[in-house]
Structures are given as structure tokens and as C-alpha cells.
């Protein structure tokens, strides 16, 4: 029997062509791809002319935006870091964009960039923060949520697995094969599989996440971890000589009678600690506490409709305008 048959050589040639194509034509998209957001510079493209582009790459689904480096004189630069809540239902519908619009209408030369990424928890948001510090921010808004730590932990394990040189991972050093392997575990593809197949594979992220979120001890650990990382974020911001504003997420809950109310799950105590570190703070609970019809503002338990984003932008503008130096006025 011949070892190198025509079929074998054809398959190998196709794999080599595929691998070369991925590395040459999709290098930007694949940069940091298998670090799942744990790569410092993924999503930040720095051009030779100094322009920085925010792109979808390396596990970071940034909304496309760009800014100049060094920062133009007289511009008040703001970065918003968080998860899918500040990211919003669309670029122009989210509160970062609306905030910039309000500030400019007030005669302030401001630029506000939305760095919200779905599913990002305390670990990966801090990595984004460390990179953003390099881009001359005047203010960093950090939107804090307690509900994404499962995804952060899962993606950290995936990133470490791809880094390992254990023999079982040798094939995954190929970008092409690694991407094909990744597809089978992503949510869209996964949900198309029959339940029997998922059970046989023994992996179901949705079920595992629900189980973890209902574990009181796990939730307590996550909250303590998020608090710890938030205080670390405050120190990073403070040491960089930048102003910081932390937003505490609020969620809609139901009473036994079916009435809706807002719950910040005790995050007000974290805001107190952050204020002691010199950070400005804002609670979503305080912003929406007097609204009688929360369904018009919230699209679900956590995310906002466009009117909710507008109200957040209004509240943020009230907090920020007194902090902006006169030289940033047009």
C-alpha cells in the first residue's frame, strides 16, 4: 500500500492552501483569535499615520470606530468599557454615542468611544482598560455587571487550552483547523445540533451557565471577584492620572405580586468603595428608580431600549459637564 496516495496528497495540498489563505488574507481577523479576548491589543489597529481603528478581531466585537493619536488639542476624550449593555442595540442608539451628541450640543469638544463587548466580565474588561490607558483618555467610564463571569472563566480556559503544547493540541496550532474546531462549540452552531448530539458530547454552555448562576456560593465568589477587579480598575485609572466614572448595573425583578422593581444586587456598597478611591459613580437604579413603566426603557431584565440609553446619556452628561475643563469648550 502506498503511503502517499493521490487522494492523500490532494487533501494535504488543500489543507496547506487553506492554512496559507487564513494566515495571509484573514490575518487581521485571526489576530488573537484563539485568546478569546485575553490578548492585550486585539481589536486595536494602529496605523502608521497615528490613527487607531477599533475593529472586530481576537474575540473583541468592537463597533467600528477610529480616533487620532496623539489626541487633537482641546478634545475631551472618553472611553466607555463594559459588556453588551453599554454596547447597546446599535451604534447611534447606545448611550456612549448619545452622550457625545449631548456634550457637543453643549459646546464641548468631546469624543466618546463605545468599547462595550457582549459577554465581557471583569477580567477581559480590565485588559481592555489597560490598553485604552495608552490612548490619552480624559475620562474612562467603566460599566460594571456581575453576570458575565461564567463567560470570562470559560473563555480563559479555552485560551489556555489553545496555548498548551500538549500532544492533543498539536493540530490546533493550525489556524484553519483551530477555527473549524471552534465553530462546533460556538452558540449559533451549537443550538442547531439535536439535543441527543449535545448530550453525547456532554457540553452545553447554556445549561452549565444557568446551573452556575443558580449556585449561591459561585455567585458570591463572582461578586467578590468583580468587586476586587473594580477596585483594581480604579487604581489603574488613578495611577494614570485619568478621571474615572463607574456605573453600577441594575436589573428588573418581580415581586410575588408580579410588580416590577429595580435591583442593583448590593452594588451600591461597591460604589461607596470606589468613591473613596476618588472615582465618580452612577447607579442605574438611581437613574431609573422613579420611572413607572420600566418596560419602555428596558428591553429585558438588564438591557436598554433606545429611550433607556437616552436617559442614561442625560444622566451621565449631568455628571460629566462639571468635570470638563474650560479649554475643551468650543
Protein backbone atom coordinates (compact mmCIF):
# COMPACT_ATOMS: atom_id res chain seq x y z
CA UNK A 1 0.00 0.00 0.00
CA UNK A 2 1.36 3.40 -0.94
CA UNK A 3 1.67 5.85 1.94
CA UNK A 4 1.36 8.95 -0.21
CA UNK A 5 -1.60 8.26 -2.47
CA UNK A 6 -3.01 10.87 -4.83
CA UNK A 7 -6.00 11.38 -2.52
CA UNK A 8 -3.73 11.89 0.49
CA UNK A 9 -1.57 14.40 -1.37
CA UNK A 10 -4.65 16.24 -2.63
CA UNK A 11 -6.07 16.56 0.88
CA UNK A 12 -2.71 17.77 2.23
CA UNK A 13 -2.44 20.32 -0.58
CA UNK A 14 -5.94 21.63 0.17
CA UNK A 15 -5.13 21.93 3.87
CA UNK A 16 -1.89 23.79 3.14
CA UNK A 17 -3.66 26.16 0.75
CA UNK A 18 -6.40 26.73 3.32
CA UNK A 19 -3.88 27.37 6.08
CA UNK A 20 -1.92 29.81 3.92
CA UNK A 21 -5.11 31.62 2.90
CA UNK A 22 -6.21 32.06 6.51
CA UNK A 23 -2.82 33.43 7.55
CA UNK A 24 -2.47 35.76 4.54
CA UNK A 25 -5.97 37.04 3.77
CA UNK A 26 -7.64 36.82 7.20
CA UNK A 27 -4.66 37.65 9.38
CA UNK A 28 -6.41 40.65 10.93
CA UNK A 29 -9.47 38.65 11.91
CA UNK A 30 -7.33 35.77 13.21
CA UNK A 31 -5.00 38.01 15.25
CA UNK A 32 -5.52 36.94 18.85
CA UNK A 33 -8.49 34.85 17.69
CA UNK A 34 -7.77 31.93 19.97
CA UNK A 35 -7.02 34.05 23.00
CA UNK A 36 -10.74 34.92 23.24
CA UNK A 37 -10.29 38.48 24.47
CA UNK A 38 -7.23 37.76 26.62
CA UNK A 39 -4.89 39.38 24.11
CA UNK A 40 -3.98 42.97 25.08
CA UNK A 41 -4.09 44.56 21.61
CA UNK A 42 -6.78 42.53 19.81
CA UNK A 43 -9.28 44.83 18.14
CA UNK A 44 -6.94 47.84 18.24
CA UNK A 45 -5.36 48.54 14.86
CA UNK A 46 -2.69 51.26 14.93
CA UNK A 47 -1.86 52.81 11.57
CA UNK A 48 1.47 54.41 10.65
CA UNK A 49 -0.20 57.82 10.46
CA UNK A 50 -1.18 57.51 14.12
CA UNK A 51 -4.83 56.69 13.55
CA UNK A 52 -6.25 53.90 15.74
CA UNK A 53 -9.13 51.76 14.47
CA UNK A 54 -11.42 49.69 16.67
CA UNK A 55 -12.32 46.51 14.77
CA UNK A 56 -13.87 43.07 15.30
CA UNK A 57 -10.87 40.82 15.97
CA UNK A 58 -9.45 38.41 18.52
CA UNK A 59 -12.63 37.79 20.45
CA UNK A 60 -13.44 41.51 20.62
CA UNK A 61 -16.52 42.56 18.73
CA UNK A 62 -15.89 46.28 18.90
CA UNK A 63 -18.21 48.51 16.96
CA UNK A 64 -16.15 50.09 14.13
CA UNK A 65 -14.72 53.43 15.30
CA UNK A 66 -11.45 55.32 14.96
CA UNK A 67 -9.54 58.13 16.61
CA UNK A 68 -6.34 60.11 16.16
CA UNK A 69 -3.12 59.72 18.09
CA UNK A 70 -1.88 61.91 19.54
CA UNK A 71 -5.20 63.32 20.70
CA UNK A 72 -6.15 66.61 18.99
CA UNK A 73 -5.65 69.65 21.17
CA UNK A 74 -8.73 70.78 23.08
CA UNK A 75 -10.61 67.47 22.70
CA UNK A 76 -12.13 65.79 25.77
CA UNK A 77 -11.73 62.06 25.10
CA UNK A 78 -13.93 59.44 26.79
CA UNK A 79 -13.82 55.64 26.54
CA UNK A 80 -16.76 53.51 27.73
CA UNK A 81 -15.74 49.97 28.74
CA UNK A 82 -18.23 47.23 29.55
CA UNK A 83 -20.43 44.47 28.16
CA UNK A 84 -23.50 44.32 25.90
CA UNK A 85 -25.43 46.87 27.99
CA UNK A 86 -23.33 49.93 27.04
CA UNK A 87 -22.74 48.41 23.60
CA UNK A 88 -26.45 48.87 23.01
CA UNK A 89 -28.82 47.83 20.20
CA UNK A 90 -26.93 49.94 17.66
CA UNK A 91 -24.02 52.35 17.48
CA UNK A 92 -26.12 55.51 17.37
CA UNK A 93 -28.75 54.18 19.78
CA UNK A 94 -26.33 53.38 22.62
CA UNK A 95 -25.65 55.81 25.45
CA UNK A 96 -21.97 56.48 24.58
CA UNK A 97 -22.97 57.94 21.19
CA UNK A 98 -25.86 59.85 22.74
CA UNK A 99 -23.55 61.21 25.42
CA UNK A 100 -21.14 62.56 22.81
CA UNK A 101 -24.05 64.18 20.99
CA UNK A 102 -25.25 65.93 24.17
CA UNK A 103 -21.78 67.19 25.08
CA UNK A 104 -21.23 68.59 21.59
CA UNK A 105 -24.60 70.31 21.69
CA UNK A 106 -23.44 71.93 24.94
CA UNK A 107 -20.44 73.37 23.10
CA UNK A 108 -17.91 70.82 24.39
CA UNK A 109 -15.31 69.37 22.04
CA UNK A 110 -15.85 65.79 23.13
CA UNK A 111 -15.42 62.36 21.58
CA UNK A 112 -16.91 59.29 23.26
CA UNK A 113 -15.97 55.77 22.14
CA UNK A 114 -18.06 52.67 22.79
CA UNK A 115 -15.89 49.68 23.76
CA UNK A 116 -18.72 47.51 25.02
CA UNK A 117 -18.27 43.83 24.10
CA UNK A 118 -21.02 41.21 24.67
CA UNK A 119 -20.21 38.76 27.45
CA UNK A 120 -17.19 40.64 28.79
CA UNK A 121 -16.69 40.34 32.53
CA UNK A 122 -14.22 41.83 34.98
CA UNK A 123 -11.10 40.06 33.65
CA UNK A 124 -11.43 40.96 30.00
CA UNK A 125 -12.74 44.47 30.66
CA UNK A 126 -9.60 45.12 32.70
CA UNK A 127 -7.43 44.00 29.77
CA UNK A 128 -9.26 46.48 27.51
CA UNK A 129 -8.79 49.16 30.16
CA UNK A 130 -5.02 48.59 30.27
CA UNK A 131 -4.80 49.11 26.52
CA UNK A 132 -7.11 52.14 26.49
CA UNK A 133 -4.91 53.94 29.02
CA UNK A 134 -2.32 54.25 26.21
CA UNK A 135 -4.65 56.42 24.11
CA UNK A 136 -4.74 59.63 26.16
CA UNK A 137 -8.21 59.41 27.70
CA UNK A 138 -9.51 62.28 29.82
CA UNK A 139 -12.18 60.08 31.34
CA UNK A 140 -12.91 56.36 31.42
CA UNK A 141 -16.44 55.13 32.07
CA UNK A 142 -16.47 51.59 33.42
CA UNK A 143 -19.86 49.86 33.29
CA UNK A 144 -19.89 47.11 35.94
CA UNK A 145 -22.03 43.98 35.76
CA UNK A 146 -21.94 40.82 37.87
CA UNK A 147 -23.42 38.43 35.29
CA UNK A 148 -20.58 37.72 32.83
CA UNK A 149 -18.02 35.92 34.97
CA UNK A 150 -19.07 32.49 33.70
CA UNK A 151 -18.19 33.53 30.14
CA UNK A 152 -14.92 35.09 31.26
CA UNK A 153 -13.92 31.87 33.03
CA UNK A 154 -14.96 29.69 30.08
CA UNK A 155 -13.06 31.78 27.53
CA UNK A 156 -9.99 31.88 29.78
CA UNK A 157 -9.96 28.07 29.85
CA UNK A 158 -10.31 27.95 26.06
CA UNK A 159 -7.45 30.43 25.63
CA UNK A 160 -5.18 28.42 27.92
CA UNK A 161 -6.04 25.18 26.12
CA UNK A 162 -5.02 26.62 22.75
CA UNK A 163 -1.73 27.85 24.24
CA UNK A 164 -0.83 24.42 25.57
CA UNK A 165 1.64 22.26 23.62
CA UNK A 166 0.12 19.05 24.93
CA UNK A 167 0.05 16.47 22.07
CA UNK A 168 -3.75 16.63 21.98
CA UNK A 169 -3.47 20.31 20.93
CA UNK A 170 -0.86 19.94 18.20
CA UNK A 171 -3.43 20.03 15.40
CA UNK A 172 -4.90 23.19 16.94
CA UNK A 173 -1.68 25.07 16.16
CA UNK A 174 -3.10 25.23 12.65
CA UNK A 175 -5.28 28.35 12.39
CA UNK A 176 -7.53 26.63 9.87
CA UNK A 177 -8.14 23.53 11.99
CA UNK A 178 -8.43 25.59 15.15
CA UNK A 179 -11.12 27.75 13.55
CA UNK A 180 -13.04 24.71 12.33
CA UNK A 181 -12.85 23.22 15.82
CA UNK A 182 -14.02 26.49 17.33
CA UNK A 183 -17.09 26.64 15.11
CA UNK A 184 -18.55 23.48 16.60
CA UNK A 185 -18.57 24.96 20.09
CA UNK A 186 -19.97 28.40 19.26
CA UNK A 187 -23.51 29.10 20.33
CA UNK A 188 -25.15 29.62 16.93
CA UNK A 189 -23.88 26.33 15.53
CA UNK A 190 -24.35 24.54 18.84
CA UNK A 191 -28.02 25.39 19.04
CA UNK A 192 -28.62 23.86 15.63
CA UNK A 193 -27.49 20.44 16.85
CA UNK A 194 -30.11 17.93 18.02
CA UNK A 195 -30.39 17.55 21.80
CA UNK A 196 -29.16 13.95 21.52
CA UNK A 197 -25.90 15.07 19.90
CA UNK A 198 -25.33 17.74 22.54
CA UNK A 199 -25.93 15.22 25.31
CA UNK A 200 -23.47 12.80 23.72
CA UNK A 201 -20.79 15.49 23.55
CA UNK A 202 -21.51 16.32 27.18
CA UNK A 203 -21.18 20.05 26.64
CA UNK A 204 -23.95 22.61 26.87
CA UNK A 205 -22.81 26.09 27.74
CA UNK A 206 -26.32 27.45 28.25
CA UNK A 207 -27.26 24.74 30.77
CA UNK A 208 -23.88 24.99 32.51
CA UNK A 209 -24.18 28.76 32.82
CA UNK A 210 -27.69 28.56 34.25
CA UNK A 211 -26.56 25.94 36.77
CA UNK A 212 -23.59 28.08 37.82
CA UNK A 213 -25.72 31.23 38.14
CA UNK A 214 -28.11 29.39 40.47
CA UNK A 215 -25.25 28.30 42.74
CA UNK A 216 -25.26 30.75 45.66
CA UNK A 217 -21.63 30.09 46.57
CA UNK A 218 -20.48 30.60 42.98
CA UNK A 219 -22.43 33.82 42.71
CA UNK A 220 -20.87 35.07 45.94
CA UNK A 221 -17.40 34.29 44.60
CA UNK A 222 -18.13 36.09 41.34
CA UNK A 223 -19.37 39.18 43.15
CA UNK A 224 -16.31 39.31 45.38
CA UNK A 225 -14.09 38.88 42.33
CA UNK A 226 -15.86 41.66 40.39
CA UNK A 227 -15.54 43.98 43.40
CA UNK A 228 -11.84 43.19 43.64
CA UNK A 229 -11.27 43.84 39.93
CA UNK A 230 -13.29 47.06 40.02
CA UNK A 231 -11.03 48.42 42.76
CA UNK A 232 -8.00 47.35 40.70
CA UNK A 233 -9.51 49.20 37.73
CA UNK A 234 -9.87 52.30 39.89
CA UNK A 235 -6.20 52.10 40.84
CA UNK A 236 -5.14 51.70 37.19
CA UNK A 237 -7.19 54.76 36.23
CA UNK A 238 -5.98 56.80 39.20
CA UNK A 239 -2.31 55.91 38.67
CA UNK A 240 -2.64 57.02 35.03
CA UNK A 241 -3.85 60.44 36.13
CA UNK A 242 -7.21 59.93 34.41
CA UNK A 243 -10.69 60.60 35.73
CA UNK A 244 -12.93 57.57 36.19
CA UNK A 245 -16.67 57.08 36.41
CA UNK A 246 -18.14 53.70 37.39
CA UNK A 247 -21.70 52.73 36.51
CA UNK A 248 -23.43 50.03 38.57
CA UNK A 249 -25.79 47.81 36.58
CA UNK A 250 -29.38 47.43 37.75
CA UNK A 251 -31.83 44.67 36.80
CA UNK A 252 -35.59 44.39 36.69
CA UNK A 253 -37.04 41.99 39.26
CA UNK A 254 -40.58 40.90 40.02
CA UNK A 255 -42.36 40.90 43.38
CA UNK A 256 -44.57 37.98 44.38
CA UNK A 257 -47.48 40.09 43.12
CA UNK A 258 -45.84 40.45 39.71
CA UNK A 259 -44.84 44.10 40.13
CA UNK A 260 -41.54 45.25 38.60
CA UNK A 261 -38.78 46.88 40.59
CA UNK A 262 -35.07 47.65 40.12
CA UNK A 263 -32.37 45.76 41.98
CA UNK A 264 -28.66 46.60 41.94
CA UNK A 265 -27.86 43.40 43.90
CA UNK A 266 -25.93 45.34 46.52
CA UNK A 267 -23.64 47.12 44.09
CA UNK A 268 -24.27 50.40 45.92
CA UNK A 269 -21.75 49.28 48.54
CA UNK A 270 -19.13 48.83 45.81
CA UNK A 271 -19.81 52.36 44.55
CA UNK A 272 -19.09 53.67 48.04
CA UNK A 273 -15.68 51.97 48.00
CA UNK A 274 -14.94 53.32 44.52
CA UNK A 275 -15.90 56.85 45.59
CA UNK A 276 -13.38 56.58 48.43
CA UNK A 277 -10.74 55.85 45.78
CA UNK A 278 -11.58 59.14 44.06
CA UNK A 279 -13.83 57.70 41.35
CA UNK A 280 -17.10 59.26 40.23
CA UNK A 281 -20.07 56.90 40.39
CA UNK A 282 -23.53 56.47 38.95
CA UNK A 283 -26.16 53.85 39.77
CA UNK A 284 -28.58 52.74 37.06
CA UNK A 285 -31.03 52.06 39.85
CA UNK A 286 -30.95 55.74 40.83
CA UNK A 287 -31.32 56.83 37.21
CA UNK A 288 -34.50 54.80 36.61
CA UNK A 289 -35.93 54.48 40.12
CA UNK A 290 -38.76 56.97 39.54
CA UNK A 291 -39.90 55.57 36.18
CA UNK A 292 -43.24 53.85 36.45
CA UNK A 293 -43.09 51.93 33.16
CA UNK A 294 -39.74 50.18 33.06
CA UNK A 295 -40.80 48.11 30.03
CA UNK A 296 -40.47 51.22 27.86
CA UNK A 297 -36.85 51.67 28.97
CA UNK A 298 -35.60 48.09 29.40
CA UNK A 299 -35.69 45.53 26.58
CA UNK A 300 -35.23 42.70 29.09
CA UNK A 301 -34.04 42.34 32.67
CA UNK A 302 -30.76 44.18 32.01
CA UNK A 303 -30.54 45.69 28.51
CA UNK A 304 -32.00 49.01 27.49
CA UNK A 305 -34.29 50.20 24.74
CA UNK A 306 -33.11 53.37 22.91
CA UNK A 307 -35.15 55.63 25.28
CA UNK A 308 -33.32 53.97 28.19
CA UNK A 309 -29.97 54.69 26.57
CA UNK A 310 -31.03 58.30 26.05
CA UNK A 311 -31.92 58.65 29.71
CA UNK A 312 -28.56 57.16 30.71
CA UNK A 313 -26.79 59.65 28.44
CA UNK A 314 -28.70 62.53 30.00
CA UNK A 315 -27.74 61.38 33.50
CA UNK A 316 -24.09 60.94 32.51
CA UNK A 317 -23.97 64.39 30.92
CA UNK A 318 -25.12 65.95 34.19
CA UNK A 319 -22.31 64.13 35.99
CA UNK A 320 -19.61 64.94 33.44
CA UNK A 321 -20.15 68.55 32.43
CA UNK A 322 -18.83 69.93 35.74
CA UNK A 323 -15.68 67.78 35.32
CA UNK A 324 -14.76 69.07 31.84
CA UNK A 325 -12.11 71.82 31.70
CA UNK A 326 -12.99 75.15 30.08
CA UNK A 327 -10.35 74.67 27.40
CA UNK A 328 -12.49 71.90 25.93
CA UNK A 329 -15.30 74.33 25.16
CA UNK A 330 -15.67 75.32 21.51
